[in-house]
Amino acid sequence: MRRLYSLSKIVAIGALVAAMGLGGCTKRPSEEQLAKLDEARQAAEAAEKKLAELRSERMQLESALAEKQAELARHEEERDDLKIKMGQE
């Protein structure tokens, strides 16, 4: 997850540096520069969207894991109770 966040930062910074390096000291950026900047912005937005989706999925999986662990603990307790009852009879 951190990798996607870092990737989006790198893409955005790289696009900014590329736009500044190619632009020089002109009054307006060229169409090519605007297109590259827009492409970099879209890539950064896509990476941030993917990050949000993955974080949401992770939260759901962690919740499911906690439920399964609680269920396992209940079953183990039930198993231990049955072992005790079987040993007494």
PDB file of N, CA and C in Angstrom:
ATOM      1  N   MET A   1       0.813  -1.171   0.000  1.00  0.00           N
ATOM      2  CA  MET A   1       0.000   0.000   0.000  1.00  0.00           C
ATOM      3  C   MET A   1       0.870   1.252   0.000  1.00  0.00           C
ATOM      4  N   ARG A   2       1.918   1.183   0.812  1.00  0.00           N
ATOM      5  CA  ARG A   2       2.822   2.319   0.826  1.00  0.00           C
ATOM      6  C   ARG A   2       3.489   2.480  -0.533  1.00  0.00           C
ATOM      7  N   ARG A   3       3.666   1.350  -1.204  1.00  0.00           N
ATOM      8  CA  ARG A   3       4.318   1.382  -2.503  1.00  0.00           C
ATOM      9  C   ARG A   3       3.482   2.188  -3.500  1.00  0.00           C
ATOM     10  N   LEU A   4       2.155   1.981  -3.476  1.00  0.00           N
ATOM     11  CA  LEU A   4       1.284   2.730  -4.383  1.00  0.00           C
ATOM     12  C   LEU A   4       1.302   4.216  -4.051  1.00  0.00           C
ATOM     13  N   TYR A   5       1.289   4.520  -2.755  1.00  0.00           N
ATOM     14  CA  TYR A   5       1.326   5.917  -2.340  1.00  0.00           C
ATOM     15  C   TYR A   5       2.640   6.554  -2.781  1.00  0.00           C
ATOM     16  N   SER A   6       3.739   5.852  -2.582  1.00  0.00           N
ATOM     17  CA  SER A   6       5.041   6.357  -3.003  1.00  0.00           C
ATOM     18  C   SER A   6       5.104   6.488  -4.513  1.00  0.00           C
ATOM     19  N   LEU A   7       4.529   5.524  -5.206  1.00  0.00           N
ATOM     20  CA  LEU A   7       4.516   5.559  -6.662  1.00  0.00           C
ATOM     21  C   LEU A   7       3.755   6.776  -7.167  1.00  0.00           C
ATOM     22  N   SER A   8       2.626   7.077  -6.560  1.00  0.00           N
ATOM     23  CA  SER A   8       1.851   8.232  -7.005  1.00  0.00           C
ATOM     24  C   SER A   8       2.608   9.529  -6.732  1.00  0.00           C
ATOM     25  N   LYS A   9       3.320   9.594  -5.619  1.00  0.00           N
ATOM     26  CA  LYS A   9       4.121  10.782  -5.318  1.00  0.00           C
ATOM     27  C   LYS A   9       5.253  10.931  -6.337  1.00  0.00           C
ATOM     28  N   ILE A  10       5.903   9.825  -6.657  1.00  0.00           N
ATOM     29  CA  ILE A  10       7.015   9.861  -7.604  1.00  0.00           C
ATOM     30  C   ILE A  10       6.529  10.283  -8.976  1.00  0.00           C
ATOM     31  N   VAL A  11       5.386   9.750  -9.390  1.00  0.00           N
ATOM     32  CA  VAL A  11       4.834  10.110 -10.700  1.00  0.00           C
ATOM     33  C   VAL A  11       4.510  11.598 -10.742  1.00  0.00           C
ATOM     34  N   ALA A  12       3.868  12.099  -9.701  1.00  0.00           N
ATOM     35  CA  ALA A  12       3.491  13.508  -9.675  1.00  0.00           C
ATOM     36  C   ALA A  12       4.730  14.412  -9.656  1.00  0.00           C
ATOM     37  N   ILE A  13       5.704  14.072  -8.844  1.00  0.00           N
ATOM     38  CA  ILE A  13       6.925  14.875  -8.764  1.00  0.00           C
ATOM     39  C   ILE A  13       7.701  14.785 -10.071  1.00  0.00           C
ATOM     40  N   GLY A  14       7.779  13.591 -10.633  1.00  0.00           N
ATOM     41  CA  GLY A  14       8.474  13.420 -11.908  1.00  0.00           C
ATOM     42  C   GLY A  14       7.815  14.222 -13.016  1.00  0.00           C
ATOM     43  N   ALA A  15       6.500  14.239 -13.028  1.00  0.00           N
ATOM     44  CA  ALA A  15       5.789  15.014 -14.048  1.00  0.00           C
ATOM     45  C   ALA A  15       6.051  16.500 -13.873  1.00  0.00           C
ATOM     46  N   LEU A  16       6.062  16.940 -12.628  1.00  0.00           N
ATOM     47  CA  LEU A  16       6.322  18.352 -12.359  1.00  0.00           C
ATOM     48  C   LEU A  16       7.739  18.731 -12.771  1.00  0.00           C
ATOM     49  N   VAL A  17       8.704  17.914 -12.431  1.00  0.00           N
ATOM     50  CA  VAL A  17      10.092  18.188 -12.801  1.00  0.00           C
ATOM     51  C   VAL A  17      10.254  18.168 -14.321  1.00  0.00           C
ATOM     52  N   ALA A  18       9.639  17.198 -14.956  1.00  0.00           N
ATOM     53  CA  ALA A  18       9.725  17.113 -16.420  1.00  0.00           C
ATOM     54  C   ALA A  18       9.090  18.341 -17.068  1.00  0.00           C
ATOM     55  N   ALA A  19       7.962  18.764 -16.541  1.00  0.00           N
ATOM     56  CA  ALA A  19       7.295  19.937 -17.106  1.00  0.00           C
ATOM     57  C   ALA A  19       8.144  21.190 -16.918  1.00  0.00           C
ATOM     58  N   MET A  20       8.773  21.305 -15.776  1.00  0.00           N
ATOM     59  CA  MET A  20       9.609  22.481 -15.514  1.00  0.00           C
ATOM     60  C   MET A  20      10.883  22.437 -16.364  1.00  0.00           C
ATOM     61  N   GLY A  21      11.464  21.251 -16.493  1.00  0.00           N
ATOM     62  CA  GLY A  21      12.706  21.109 -17.254  1.00  0.00           C
ATOM     63  C   GLY A  21      12.499  21.338 -18.739  1.00  0.00           C
ATOM     64  N   LEU A  22      11.399  20.898 -19.257  1.00  0.00           N
ATOM     65  CA  LEU A  22      11.128  21.059 -20.677  1.00  0.00           C
ATOM     66  C   LEU A  22      10.604  22.455 -21.001  1.00  0.00           C
ATOM     67  N   GLY A  23      10.029  23.086 -20.021  1.00  0.00           N
ATOM     68  CA  GLY A  23       9.394  24.377 -20.267  1.00  0.00           C
ATOM     69  C   GLY A  23      10.355  25.535 -20.358  1.00  0.00           C
ATOM     70  N   GLY A  24      11.406  25.490 -19.659  1.00  0.00           N
ATOM     71  CA  GLY A  24      12.330  26.623 -19.664  1.00  0.00           C
ATOM     72  C   GLY A  24      11.667  27.851 -19.064  1.00  0.00           C
ATOM     73  N   CYS A  25      11.895  28.980 -19.704  1.00  0.00           N
ATOM     74  CA  CYS A  25      11.382  30.243 -19.187  1.00  0.00           C
ATOM     75  C   CYS A  25      10.348  30.855 -20.137  1.00  0.00           C
ATOM     76  N   THR A  26       9.441  30.063 -20.634  1.00  0.00           N
ATOM     77  CA  THR A  26       8.423  30.596 -21.523  1.00  0.00           C
ATOM     78  C   THR A  26       7.244  31.105 -20.708  1.00  0.00           C
ATOM     79  N   LYS A  27       6.421  31.924 -21.331  1.00  0.00           N
ATOM     80  CA  LYS A  27       5.266  32.473 -20.634  1.00  0.00           C
ATOM     81  C   LYS A  27       4.173  31.427 -20.475  1.00  0.00           C
ATOM     82  N   ARG A  28       4.009  30.585 -21.472  1.00  0.00           N
ATOM     83  CA  ARG A  28       2.971  29.562 -21.434  1.00  0.00           C
ATOM     84  C   ARG A  28       3.570  28.201 -21.765  1.00  0.00           C
ATOM     85  N   PRO A  29       3.053  27.164 -21.119  1.00  0.00           N
ATOM     86  CA  PRO A  29       3.528  25.820 -21.461  1.00  0.00           C
ATOM     87  C   PRO A  29       2.984  25.399 -22.831  1.00  0.00           C
ATOM     88  N   SER A  30       3.729  24.573 -23.498  1.00  0.00           N
ATOM     89  CA  SER A  30       3.294  24.097 -24.817  1.00  0.00           C
ATOM     90  C   SER A  30       2.188  23.065 -24.653  1.00  0.00           C
ATOM     91  N   GLU A  31       1.544  22.740 -25.752  1.00  0.00           N
ATOM     92  CA  GLU A  31       0.481  21.741 -25.731  1.00  0.00           C
ATOM     93  C   GLU A  31       1.028  20.381 -25.299  1.00  0.00           C
ATOM     94  N   GLU A  32       2.225  20.082 -25.738  1.00  0.00           N
ATOM     95  CA  GLU A  32       2.851  18.811 -25.375  1.00  0.00           C
ATOM     96  C   GLU A  32       3.083  18.745 -23.863  1.00  0.00           C
ATOM     97  N   GLN A  33       3.543  19.848 -23.307  1.00  0.00           N
ATOM     98  CA  GLN A  33       3.779  19.887 -21.864  1.00  0.00           C
ATOM     99  C   GLN A  33       2.473  19.762 -21.089  1.00  0.00           C
ATOM    100  N   LEU A  34       1.447  20.429 -21.578  1.00  0.00           N
ATOM    101  CA  LEU A  34       0.144  20.334 -20.919  1.00  0.00           C
ATOM    102  C   LEU A  34      -0.395  18.911 -20.996  1.00  0.00           C
ATOM    103  N   ALA A  35      -0.194  18.269 -22.126  1.00  0.00           N
ATOM    104  CA  ALA A  35      -0.651  16.889 -22.286  1.00  0.00           C
ATOM    105  C   ALA A  35       0.094  15.964 -21.329  1.00  0.00           C
ATOM    106  N   LYS A  36       1.404  16.140 -21.205  1.00  0.00           N
ATOM    107  CA  LYS A  36       2.194  15.306 -20.294  1.00  0.00           C
ATOM    108  C   LYS A  36       1.788  15.554 -18.847  1.00  0.00           C
ATOM    109  N   LEU A  37       1.547  16.797 -18.505  1.00  0.00           N
ATOM    110  CA  LEU A  37       1.145  17.131 -17.145  1.00  0.00           C
ATOM    111  C   LEU A  37      -0.225  16.522 -16.841  1.00  0.00           C
ATOM    112  N   ASP A  38      -1.138  16.597 -17.800  1.00  0.00           N
ATOM    113  CA  ASP A  38      -2.455  16.016 -17.616  1.00  0.00           C
ATOM    114  C   ASP A  38      -2.360  14.497 -17.485  1.00  0.00           C
ATOM    115  N   GLU A  39      -1.507  13.893 -18.282  1.00  0.00           N
ATOM    116  CA  GLU A  39      -1.298  12.445 -18.207  1.00  0.00           C
ATOM    117  C   GLU A  39      -0.743  12.052 -16.836  1.00  0.00           C
ATOM    118  N   ALA A  40       0.197  12.821 -16.342  1.00  0.00           N
ATOM    119  CA  ALA A  40       0.775  12.539 -15.023  1.00  0.00           C
ATOM    120  C   ALA A  40      -0.273  12.731 -13.927  1.00  0.00           C
ATOM    121  N   ARG A  41      -1.112  13.743 -14.074  1.00  0.00           N
ATOM    122  CA  ARG A  41      -2.165  13.986 -13.089  1.00  0.00           C
ATOM    123  C   ARG A  41      -3.147  12.819 -13.066  1.00  0.00           C
ATOM    124  N   GLN A  42      -3.523  12.350 -14.253  1.00  0.00           N
ATOM    125  CA  GLN A  42      -4.439  11.218 -14.334  1.00  0.00           C
ATOM    126  C   GLN A  42      -3.816   9.959 -13.737  1.00  0.00           C
ATOM    127  N   ALA A  43      -2.543   9.761 -13.972  1.00  0.00           N
ATOM    128  CA  ALA A  43      -1.859   8.593 -13.400  1.00  0.00           C
ATOM    129  C   ALA A  43      -1.833   8.683 -11.880  1.00  0.00           C
ATOM    130  N   ALA A  44      -1.571   9.873 -11.362  1.00  0.00           N
ATOM    131  CA  ALA A  44      -1.546  10.067  -9.906  1.00  0.00           C
ATOM    132  C   ALA A  44      -2.931   9.836  -9.318  1.00  0.00           C
ATOM    133  N   GLU A  45      -3.970  10.336  -9.977  1.00  0.00           N
ATOM    134  CA  GLU A  45      -5.336  10.128  -9.491  1.00  0.00           C
ATOM    135  C   GLU A  45      -5.710   8.652  -9.522  1.00  0.00           C
ATOM    136  N   ALA A  46      -5.312   7.959 -10.567  1.00  0.00           N
ATOM    137  CA  ALA A  46      -5.596   6.529 -10.666  1.00  0.00           C
ATOM    138  C   ALA A  46      -4.881   5.761  -9.551  1.00  0.00           C
ATOM    139  N   ALA A  47      -3.643   6.141  -9.272  1.00  0.00           N
ATOM    140  CA  ALA A  47      -2.885   5.472  -8.205  1.00  0.00           C
ATOM    141  C   ALA A  47      -3.532   5.740  -6.844  1.00  0.00           C
ATOM    142  N   GLU A  48      -4.007   6.953  -6.624  1.00  0.00           N
ATOM    143  CA  GLU A  48      -4.660   7.273  -5.353  1.00  0.00           C
ATOM    144  C   GLU A  48      -5.982   6.523  -5.220  1.00  0.00           C
ATOM    145  N   LYS A  49      -6.716   6.382  -6.313  1.00  0.00           N
ATOM    146  CA  LYS A  49      -7.972   5.631  -6.288  1.00  0.00           C
ATOM    147  C   LYS A  49      -7.694   4.172  -5.970  1.00  0.00           C
ATOM    148  N   LYS A  50      -6.686   3.609  -6.606  1.00  0.00           N
ATOM    149  CA  LYS A  50      -6.321   2.214  -6.352  1.00  0.00           C
ATOM    150  C   LYS A  50      -5.896   2.031  -4.894  1.00  0.00           C
ATOM    151  N   LEU A  51      -5.163   2.995  -4.360  1.00  0.00           N
ATOM    152  CA  LEU A  51      -4.744   2.942  -2.956  1.00  0.00           C
ATOM    153  C   LEU A  51      -5.957   2.920  -2.041  1.00  0.00           C
ATOM    154  N   ALA A  52      -6.935   3.774  -2.310  1.00  0.00           N
ATOM    155  CA  ALA A  52      -8.143   3.814  -1.486  1.00  0.00           C
ATOM    156  C   ALA A  52      -8.888   2.481  -1.557  1.00  0.00           C
ATOM    157  N   GLU A  53      -8.977   1.911  -2.752  1.00  0.00           N
ATOM    158  CA  GLU A  53      -9.645   0.618  -2.916  1.00  0.00           C
ATOM    159  C   GLU A  53      -8.919  -0.474  -2.137  1.00  0.00           C
ATOM    160  N   LEU A  54      -7.602  -0.484  -2.216  1.00  0.00           N
ATOM    161  CA  LEU A  54      -6.826  -1.506  -1.517  1.00  0.00           C
ATOM    162  C   LEU A  54      -6.920  -1.342  -0.007  1.00  0.00           C
ATOM    163  N   ARG A  55      -6.953  -0.106   0.465  1.00  0.00           N
ATOM    164  CA  ARG A  55      -7.113   0.116   1.914  1.00  0.00           C
ATOM    165  C   ARG A  55      -8.474  -0.392   2.381  1.00  0.00           C
ATOM    166  N   SER A  56      -9.505  -0.137   1.583  1.00  0.00           N
ATOM    167  CA  SER A  56     -10.839  -0.609   1.931  1.00  0.00           C
ATOM    168  C   SER A  56     -10.876  -2.133   1.952  1.00  0.00           C
ATOM    169  N   GLU A  57     -10.275  -2.749   0.951  1.00  0.00           N
ATOM    170  CA  GLU A  57     -10.223  -4.209   0.891  1.00  0.00           C
ATOM    171  C   GLU A  57      -9.459  -4.772   2.090  1.00  0.00           C
ATOM    172  N   ARG A  58      -8.380  -4.110   2.457  1.00  0.00           N
ATOM    173  CA  ARG A  58      -7.586  -4.572   3.605  1.00  0.00           C
ATOM    174  C   ARG A  58      -8.414  -4.518   4.885  1.00  0.00           C
ATOM    175  N   MET A  59      -9.163  -3.436   5.068  1.00  0.00           N
ATOM    176  CA  MET A  59     -10.002  -3.318   6.262  1.00  0.00           C
ATOM    177  C   MET A  59     -11.039  -4.431   6.306  1.00  0.00           C
ATOM    178  N   GLN A  60     -11.643  -4.746   5.161  1.00  0.00           N
ATOM    179  CA  GLN A  60     -12.624  -5.822   5.107  1.00  0.00           C
ATOM    180  C   GLN A  60     -11.978  -7.166   5.432  1.00  0.00           C
ATOM    181  N   LEU A  61     -10.791  -7.392   4.886  1.00  0.00           N
ATOM    182  CA  LEU A  61     -10.100  -8.661   5.145  1.00  0.00           C
ATOM    183  C   LEU A  61      -9.676  -8.787   6.597  1.00  0.00           C
ATOM    184  N   GLU A  62      -9.236  -7.684   7.191  1.00  0.00           N
ATOM    185  CA  GLU A  62      -8.853  -7.729   8.601  1.00  0.00           C
ATOM    186  C   GLU A  62     -10.071  -8.002   9.483  1.00  0.00           C
ATOM    187  N   SER A  63     -11.211  -7.437   9.119  1.00  0.00           N
ATOM    188  CA  SER A  63     -12.446  -7.689   9.855  1.00  0.00           C
ATOM    189  C   SER A  63     -12.849  -9.164   9.736  1.00  0.00           C
ATOM    190  N   ALA A  64     -12.779  -9.697   8.531  1.00  0.00           N
ATOM    191  CA  ALA A  64     -13.106 -11.109   8.317  1.00  0.00           C
ATOM    192  C   ALA A  64     -12.149 -12.013   9.089  1.00  0.00           C
ATOM    193  N   LEU A  65     -10.873 -11.645   9.119  1.00  0.00           N
ATOM    194  CA  LEU A  65      -9.884 -12.431   9.864  1.00  0.00           C
ATOM    195  C   LEU A  65     -10.210 -12.434  11.348  1.00  0.00           C
ATOM    196  N   ALA A  66     -10.573 -11.282  11.890  1.00  0.00           N
ATOM    197  CA  ALA A  66     -10.921 -11.202  13.311  1.00  0.00           C
ATOM    198  C   ALA A  66     -12.134 -12.079  13.619  1.00  0.00           C
ATOM    199  N   GLU A  67     -13.118 -12.076  12.729  1.00  0.00           N
ATOM    200  CA  GLU A  67     -14.298 -12.926  12.921  1.00  0.00           C
ATOM    201  C   GLU A  67     -13.911 -14.401  12.902  1.00  0.00           C
ATOM    202  N   LYS A  68     -13.066 -14.779  11.961  1.00  0.00           N
ATOM    203  CA  LYS A  68     -12.637 -16.179  11.852  1.00  0.00           C
ATOM    204  C   LYS A  68     -11.822 -16.601  13.072  1.00  0.00           C
ATOM    205  N   GLN A  69     -10.992 -15.702  13.570  1.00  0.00           N
ATOM    206  CA  GLN A  69     -10.198 -16.025  14.763  1.00  0.00           C
ATOM    207  C   GLN A  69     -11.100 -16.204  15.984  1.00  0.00           C
ATOM    208  N   ALA A  70     -12.127 -15.371  16.102  1.00  0.00           N
ATOM    209  CA  ALA A  70     -13.071 -15.510  17.206  1.00  0.00           C
ATOM    210  C   ALA A  70     -13.835 -16.828  17.089  1.00  0.00           C
ATOM    211  N   GLU A  71     -14.235 -17.175  15.870  1.00  0.00           N
ATOM    212  CA  GLU A  71     -14.933 -18.435  15.641  1.00  0.00           C
ATOM    213  C   GLU A  71     -14.028 -19.620  15.982  1.00  0.00           C
ATOM    214  N   LEU A  72     -12.773 -19.533  15.596  1.00  0.00           N
ATOM    215  CA  LEU A  72     -11.819 -20.595  15.919  1.00  0.00           C
ATOM    216  C   LEU A  72     -11.674 -20.743  17.425  1.00  0.00           C
ATOM    217  N   ALA A  73     -11.584 -19.641  18.130  1.00  0.00           N
ATOM    218  CA  ALA A  73     -11.450 -19.700  19.588  1.00  0.00           C
ATOM    219  C   ALA A  73     -12.686 -20.363  20.211  1.00  0.00           C
ATOM    220  N   ARG A  74     -13.870 -20.029  19.700  1.00  0.00           N
ATOM    221  CA  ARG A  74     -15.098 -20.656  20.220  1.00  0.00           C
ATOM    222  C   ARG A  74     -15.086 -22.163  19.969  1.00  0.00           C
ATOM    223  N   HIS A  75     -14.682 -22.565  18.789  1.00  0.00           N
ATOM    224  CA  HIS A  75     -14.650 -23.996  18.462  1.00  0.00           C
ATOM    225  C   HIS A  75     -13.596 -24.733  19.294  1.00  0.00           C
ATOM    226  N   GLU A  76     -12.475 -24.102  19.514  1.00  0.00           N
ATOM    227  CA  GLU A  76     -11.450 -24.748  20.342  1.00  0.00           C
ATOM    228  C   GLU A  76     -11.931 -24.901  21.777  1.00  0.00           C
ATOM    229  N   GLU A  77     -12.639 -23.904  22.265  1.00  0.00           N
ATOM    230  CA  GLU A  77     -13.182 -23.982  23.620  1.00  0.00           C
ATOM    231  C   GLU A  77     -14.235 -25.093  23.705  1.00  0.00           C
ATOM    232  N   GLU A  78     -15.061 -25.186  22.687  1.00  0.00           N
ATOM    233  CA  GLU A  78     -16.072 -26.247  22.643  1.00  0.00           C
ATOM    234  C   GLU A  78     -15.404 -27.622  22.579  1.00  0.00           C
ATOM    235  N   ARG A  79     -14.346 -27.737  21.785  1.00  0.00           N
ATOM    236  CA  ARG A  79     -13.602 -28.990  21.684  1.00  0.00           C
ATOM    237  C   ARG A  79     -13.024 -29.388  23.040  1.00  0.00           C
ATOM    238  N   ASP A  80     -12.427 -28.418  23.722  1.00  0.00           N
ATOM    239  CA  ASP A  80     -11.839 -28.706  25.023  1.00  0.00           C
ATOM    240  C   ASP A  80     -12.906 -29.129  26.030  1.00  0.00           C
ATOM    241  N   ASP A  81     -14.077 -28.486  25.980  1.00  0.00           N
ATOM    242  CA  ASP A  81     -15.175 -28.868  26.874  1.00  0.00           C
ATOM    243  C   ASP A  81     -15.632 -30.298  26.587  1.00  0.00           C
ATOM    244  N   LEU A  82     -15.720 -30.642  25.306  1.00  0.00           N
ATOM    245  CA  LEU A  82     -16.126 -32.001  24.945  1.00  0.00           C
ATOM    246  C   LEU A  82     -15.094 -33.032  25.381  1.00  0.00           C
ATOM    247  N   LYS A  83     -13.815 -32.689  25.274  1.00  0.00           N
ATOM    248  CA  LYS A  83     -12.764 -33.618  25.720  1.00  0.00           C
ATOM    249  C   LYS A  83     -12.887 -33.873  27.217  1.00  0.00           C
ATOM    250  N   ILE A  84     -13.170 -32.811  27.959  1.00  0.00           N
ATOM    251  CA  ILE A  84     -13.306 -32.948  29.407  1.00  0.00           C
ATOM    252  C   ILE A  84     -14.508 -33.833  29.729  1.00  0.00           C
ATOM    253  N   LYS A  85     -15.632 -33.602  29.046  1.00  0.00           N
ATOM    254  CA  LYS A  85     -16.833 -34.399  29.294  1.00  0.00           C
ATOM    255  C   LYS A  85     -16.630 -35.856  28.910  1.00  0.00           C
ATOM    256  N   MET A  86     -15.936 -36.085  27.811  1.00  0.00           N
ATOM    257  CA  MET A  86     -15.689 -37.465  27.378  1.00  0.00           C
ATOM    258  C   MET A  86     -14.766 -38.185  28.353  1.00  0.00           C
ATOM    259  N   GLY A  87     -13.838 -37.463  28.921  1.00  0.00           N
ATOM    260  CA  GLY A  87     -12.906 -38.080  29.861  1.00  0.00           C
ATOM    261  C   GLY A  87     -13.568 -38.388  31.194  1.00  0.00           C
ATOM    262  N   GLN A  88     -14.576 -37.674  31.589  1.00  0.00           N
ATOM    263  CA  GLN A  88     -15.258 -37.875  32.863  1.00  0.00           C
ATOM    264  C   GLN A  88     -16.249 -39.021  32.813  1.00  0.00           C
ATOM    265  N   GLU A  89     -16.831 -39.264  31.648  1.00  0.00           N
ATOM    266  CA  GLU A  89     -17.855 -40.319  31.555  1.00  0.00           C
ATOM    267  C   GLU A  89     -17.296 -41.671  31.344  1.00  0.00           C
TER     268      GLU A  89
END
